Amino acid sequence: MKLYHFTPGELASLLEHATGNVALIMEDGAAFAINSTLSLLYALRMLMNRSTDGYLSPELRVESPEDRELILRYLIRRCSRVSGWAC
């Protein structure tokens, strides 16, 4: 699952709510399991070092259907806020 144009804080907040196995996939193919706050912060740091504009566009590997639903609901709410179609 590819996400686009996230701030580091926004991405961290979203991923902290995941309950199953979630991994951030780097451009070189390295994967960071987000099973602790330390690994999440390290992965975010790696992504921020590669960002040119301060925004992150990570690829995620999400195993749990509940976590996929959580992320998709967040993306729908985010798109509705930006478009003016607030839910």
N, C-alpha and C. Protein backbone atom coordinates (compact mmCIF):
# COMPACT_ATOMS: atom_id res chain seq x y z
N MET A 1 0.86 -1.15 0.00
CA MET A 1 0.00 0.00 0.00
C MET A 1 0.92 1.23 0.00
N LYS A 2 0.73 2.10 -0.96
CA LYS A 2 1.54 3.30 -1.07
C LYS A 2 0.76 4.50 -0.53
N LEU A 3 1.40 5.26 0.34
CA LEU A 3 0.81 6.48 0.88
C LEU A 3 1.57 7.67 0.31
N TYR A 4 0.88 8.80 0.17
CA TYR A 4 1.51 9.98 -0.42
C TYR A 4 1.32 11.21 0.44
N HIS A 5 2.37 12.02 0.52
CA HIS A 5 2.35 13.37 1.08
C HIS A 5 1.90 13.40 2.55
N PHE A 6 2.58 12.65 3.38
CA PHE A 6 2.32 12.63 4.81
C PHE A 6 3.41 13.38 5.54
N THR A 7 3.04 14.09 6.60
CA THR A 7 4.06 14.66 7.48
C THR A 7 4.54 13.54 8.40
N PRO A 8 5.74 13.64 8.93
CA PRO A 8 6.22 12.59 9.84
C PRO A 8 5.28 12.37 11.03
N GLY A 9 4.77 13.45 11.62
CA GLY A 9 3.86 13.33 12.77
C GLY A 9 2.56 12.65 12.41
N GLU A 10 2.03 13.00 11.24
CA GLU A 10 0.77 12.41 10.78
C GLU A 10 0.94 10.91 10.54
N LEU A 11 2.05 10.53 9.93
CA LEU A 11 2.31 9.11 9.67
C LEU A 11 2.53 8.35 10.97
N ALA A 12 3.30 8.92 11.89
CA ALA A 12 3.54 8.26 13.18
C ALA A 12 2.24 8.07 13.94
N SER A 13 1.40 9.08 13.95
CA SER A 13 0.12 8.99 14.64
C SER A 13 -0.76 7.90 14.05
N LEU A 14 -0.78 7.80 12.75
CA LEU A 14 -1.58 6.75 12.10
C LEU A 14 -1.03 5.37 12.42
N LEU A 15 0.27 5.18 12.30
CA LEU A 15 0.86 3.85 12.49
C LEU A 15 0.85 3.41 13.96
N GLU A 16 0.78 4.34 14.89
CA GLU A 16 0.71 3.96 16.31
C GLU A 16 -0.59 3.24 16.64
N HIS A 17 -1.61 3.43 15.82
CA HIS A 17 -2.90 2.79 16.07
C HIS A 17 -3.00 1.39 15.44
N ALA A 18 -2.02 1.01 14.65
CA ALA A 18 -2.03 -0.32 14.03
C ALA A 18 -1.78 -1.37 15.11
N THR A 19 -2.51 -2.48 15.03
CA THR A 19 -2.37 -3.53 16.04
C THR A 19 -1.64 -4.76 15.50
N GLY A 20 -1.64 -4.94 14.20
CA GLY A 20 -1.00 -6.12 13.60
C GLY A 20 0.39 -5.79 13.08
N ASN A 21 0.89 -6.67 12.23
CA ASN A 21 2.21 -6.48 11.64
C ASN A 21 2.14 -5.48 10.49
N VAL A 22 2.90 -4.40 10.64
CA VAL A 22 3.01 -3.37 9.61
C VAL A 22 4.49 -3.13 9.38
N ALA A 23 4.89 -3.02 8.13
CA ALA A 23 6.29 -2.73 7.81
C ALA A 23 6.36 -1.55 6.86
N LEU A 24 7.32 -0.67 7.11
CA LEU A 24 7.62 0.42 6.18
C LEU A 24 8.68 -0.09 5.22
N ILE A 25 8.41 0.01 3.94
CA ILE A 25 9.33 -0.48 2.91
C ILE A 25 10.10 0.71 2.35
N MET A 26 11.42 0.64 2.39
CA MET A 26 12.26 1.70 1.86
C MET A 26 12.44 1.53 0.36
N GLU A 27 12.94 2.56 -0.29
CA GLU A 27 13.16 2.53 -1.73
C GLU A 27 14.13 1.43 -2.15
N ASP A 28 15.11 1.13 -1.31
CA ASP A 28 16.08 0.10 -1.64
C ASP A 28 15.59 -1.31 -1.31
N GLY A 29 14.34 -1.43 -0.83
CA GLY A 29 13.76 -2.73 -0.53
C GLY A 29 13.86 -3.14 0.93
N ALA A 30 14.60 -2.40 1.72
CA ALA A 30 14.69 -2.72 3.15
C ALA A 30 13.34 -2.48 3.81
N ALA A 31 12.99 -3.35 4.74
CA ALA A 31 11.70 -3.24 5.43
C ALA A 31 11.94 -3.08 6.92
N PHE A 32 11.22 -2.12 7.53
CA PHE A 32 11.28 -1.90 8.97
C PHE A 32 9.95 -2.29 9.58
N ALA A 33 9.97 -3.30 10.43
CA ALA A 33 8.75 -3.71 11.13
C ALA A 33 8.41 -2.64 12.16
N ILE A 34 7.17 -2.23 12.15
CA ILE A 34 6.72 -1.18 13.06
C ILE A 34 6.03 -1.87 14.25
N ASN A 35 6.81 -2.57 15.04
CA ASN A 35 6.25 -3.26 16.20
C ASN A 35 6.64 -2.59 17.51
N SER A 36 7.38 -1.50 17.42
CA SER A 36 7.71 -0.73 18.62
C SER A 36 7.88 0.74 18.22
N THR A 37 7.80 1.59 19.20
CA THR A 37 7.95 3.01 18.94
C THR A 37 9.36 3.32 18.45
N LEU A 38 10.34 2.61 18.98
CA LEU A 38 11.73 2.84 18.57
C LEU A 38 11.92 2.50 17.09
N SER A 39 11.39 1.37 16.64
CA SER A 39 11.55 1.01 15.23
C SER A 39 10.77 1.96 14.33
N LEU A 40 9.61 2.44 14.80
CA LEU A 40 8.84 3.42 14.04
C LEU A 40 9.64 4.71 13.88
N LEU A 41 10.20 5.21 14.98
CA LEU A 41 10.97 6.45 14.91
C LEU A 41 12.20 6.31 14.03
N TYR A 42 12.87 5.17 14.10
CA TYR A 42 14.05 4.96 13.26
C TYR A 42 13.66 4.94 11.78
N ALA A 43 12.58 4.24 11.46
CA ALA A 43 12.12 4.18 10.06
C ALA A 43 11.70 5.57 9.57
N LEU A 44 11.02 6.33 10.42
CA LEU A 44 10.63 7.69 10.05
C LEU A 44 11.85 8.56 9.80
N ARG A 45 12.85 8.40 10.62
CA ARG A 45 14.10 9.15 10.43
C ARG A 45 14.73 8.81 9.09
N MET A 46 14.75 7.54 8.75
CA MET A 46 15.31 7.12 7.46
C MET A 46 14.52 7.73 6.31
N LEU A 47 13.20 7.74 6.43
CA LEU A 47 12.36 8.34 5.39
C LEU A 47 12.58 9.84 5.29
N MET A 48 12.70 10.50 6.44
CA MET A 48 12.90 11.95 6.44
C MET A 48 14.24 12.33 5.82
N ASN A 49 15.26 11.51 6.04
CA ASN A 49 16.56 11.78 5.44
C ASN A 49 16.50 11.74 3.91
N ARG A 50 15.58 10.99 3.37
CA ARG A 50 15.46 10.85 1.91
C ARG A 50 14.45 11.83 1.31
N SER A 51 13.72 12.52 2.15
CA SER A 51 12.69 13.45 1.69
C SER A 51 13.33 14.77 1.29
N THR A 52 12.89 15.32 0.17
CA THR A 52 13.41 16.61 -0.28
C THR A 52 12.51 17.77 0.12
N ASP A 53 11.24 17.50 0.39
CA ASP A 53 10.29 18.57 0.69
C ASP A 53 9.69 18.48 2.10
N GLY A 54 10.15 17.54 2.91
CA GLY A 54 9.64 17.41 4.27
C GLY A 54 8.43 16.51 4.39
N TYR A 55 7.92 16.03 3.27
CA TYR A 55 6.78 15.13 3.28
C TYR A 55 7.25 13.72 2.96
N LEU A 56 6.51 12.74 3.46
CA LEU A 56 6.86 11.34 3.27
C LEU A 56 5.83 10.66 2.39
N SER A 57 6.30 9.77 1.54
CA SER A 57 5.42 8.96 0.70
C SER A 57 5.87 7.51 0.81
N PRO A 58 5.59 6.89 1.96
CA PRO A 58 6.10 5.54 2.20
C PRO A 58 5.23 4.46 1.56
N GLU A 59 5.85 3.32 1.41
CA GLU A 59 5.11 2.12 1.03
C GLU A 59 4.99 1.27 2.29
N LEU A 60 3.80 0.74 2.51
CA LEU A 60 3.55 -0.08 3.69
C LEU A 60 3.20 -1.50 3.28
N ARG A 61 3.62 -2.44 4.10
CA ARG A 61 3.13 -3.81 3.98
C ARG A 61 2.29 -4.06 5.23
N VAL A 62 1.01 -4.24 5.02
CA VAL A 62 0.05 -4.38 6.13
C VAL A 62 -0.55 -5.77 6.05
N GLU A 63 -0.41 -6.56 7.11
CA GLU A 63 -0.91 -7.93 7.10
C GLU A 63 -2.34 -8.06 7.60
N SER A 64 -2.72 -7.25 8.56
CA SER A 64 -4.03 -7.37 9.19
C SER A 64 -5.11 -6.64 8.40
N PRO A 65 -6.22 -7.32 8.12
CA PRO A 65 -7.34 -6.63 7.45
C PRO A 65 -7.86 -5.45 8.27
N GLU A 66 -7.82 -5.55 9.60
CA GLU A 66 -8.27 -4.45 10.45
C GLU A 66 -7.38 -3.22 10.29
N ASP A 67 -6.07 -3.45 10.17
CA ASP A 67 -5.15 -2.32 9.97
C ASP A 67 -5.32 -1.71 8.58
N ARG A 68 -5.57 -2.54 7.58
CA ARG A 68 -5.85 -2.00 6.23
C ARG A 68 -7.09 -1.11 6.28
N GLU A 69 -8.11 -1.58 6.96
CA GLU A 69 -9.35 -0.81 7.07
C GLU A 69 -9.10 0.49 7.83
N LEU A 70 -8.31 0.45 8.89
CA LEU A 70 -7.97 1.64 9.66
C LEU A 70 -7.29 2.67 8.75
N ILE A 71 -6.33 2.24 7.97
CA ILE A 71 -5.59 3.15 7.09
C ILE A 71 -6.50 3.69 5.99
N LEU A 72 -7.31 2.83 5.40
CA LEU A 72 -8.21 3.29 4.34
C LEU A 72 -9.25 4.27 4.87
N ARG A 73 -9.79 4.03 6.06
CA ARG A 73 -10.73 4.99 6.65
C ARG A 73 -10.06 6.33 6.88
N TYR A 74 -8.82 6.30 7.35
CA TYR A 74 -8.08 7.54 7.56
C TYR A 74 -7.89 8.28 6.23
N LEU A 75 -7.51 7.56 5.19
CA LEU A 75 -7.30 8.18 3.88
C LEU A 75 -8.59 8.78 3.33
N ILE A 76 -9.70 8.10 3.55
CA ILE A 76 -10.99 8.63 3.09
C ILE A 76 -11.33 9.92 3.83
N ARG A 77 -11.14 9.93 5.16
CA ARG A 77 -11.41 11.14 5.94
C ARG A 77 -10.49 12.28 5.51
N ARG A 78 -9.24 11.94 5.26
CA ARG A 78 -8.25 12.94 4.84
C ARG A 78 -8.64 13.55 3.49
N CYS A 79 -9.03 12.71 2.55
CA CYS A 79 -9.43 13.20 1.23
C CYS A 79 -10.70 14.04 1.32
N SER A 80 -11.62 13.64 2.18
CA SER A 80 -12.87 14.40 2.30
C SER A 80 -12.62 15.77 2.91
N ARG A 81 -11.66 15.87 3.86
CA ARG A 81 -11.32 17.17 4.44
C ARG A 81 -10.71 18.08 3.39
N VAL A 82 -9.81 17.55 2.59
CA VAL A 82 -9.12 18.35 1.58
C VAL A 82 -10.09 18.79 0.49
N SER A 83 -11.01 17.93 0.11
CA SER A 83 -11.93 18.23 -0.98
C SER A 83 -13.11 19.09 -0.53
N GLY A 84 -13.32 19.19 0.79
CA GLY A 84 -14.44 19.95 1.30
C GLY A 84 -15.68 19.10 1.54
N TRP A 85 -15.57 17.80 1.31
CA TRP A 85 -16.69 16.89 1.53
C TRP A 85 -16.58 16.27 2.90
N ALA A 86 -16.48 17.07 3.92
CA ALA A 86 -16.27 16.58 5.29
C ALA A 86 -17.35 15.60 5.70
N CYS A 87 -16.92 14.50 6.33
CA CYS A 87 -17.84 13.47 6.80
C CYS A 87 -18.39 13.83 8.15
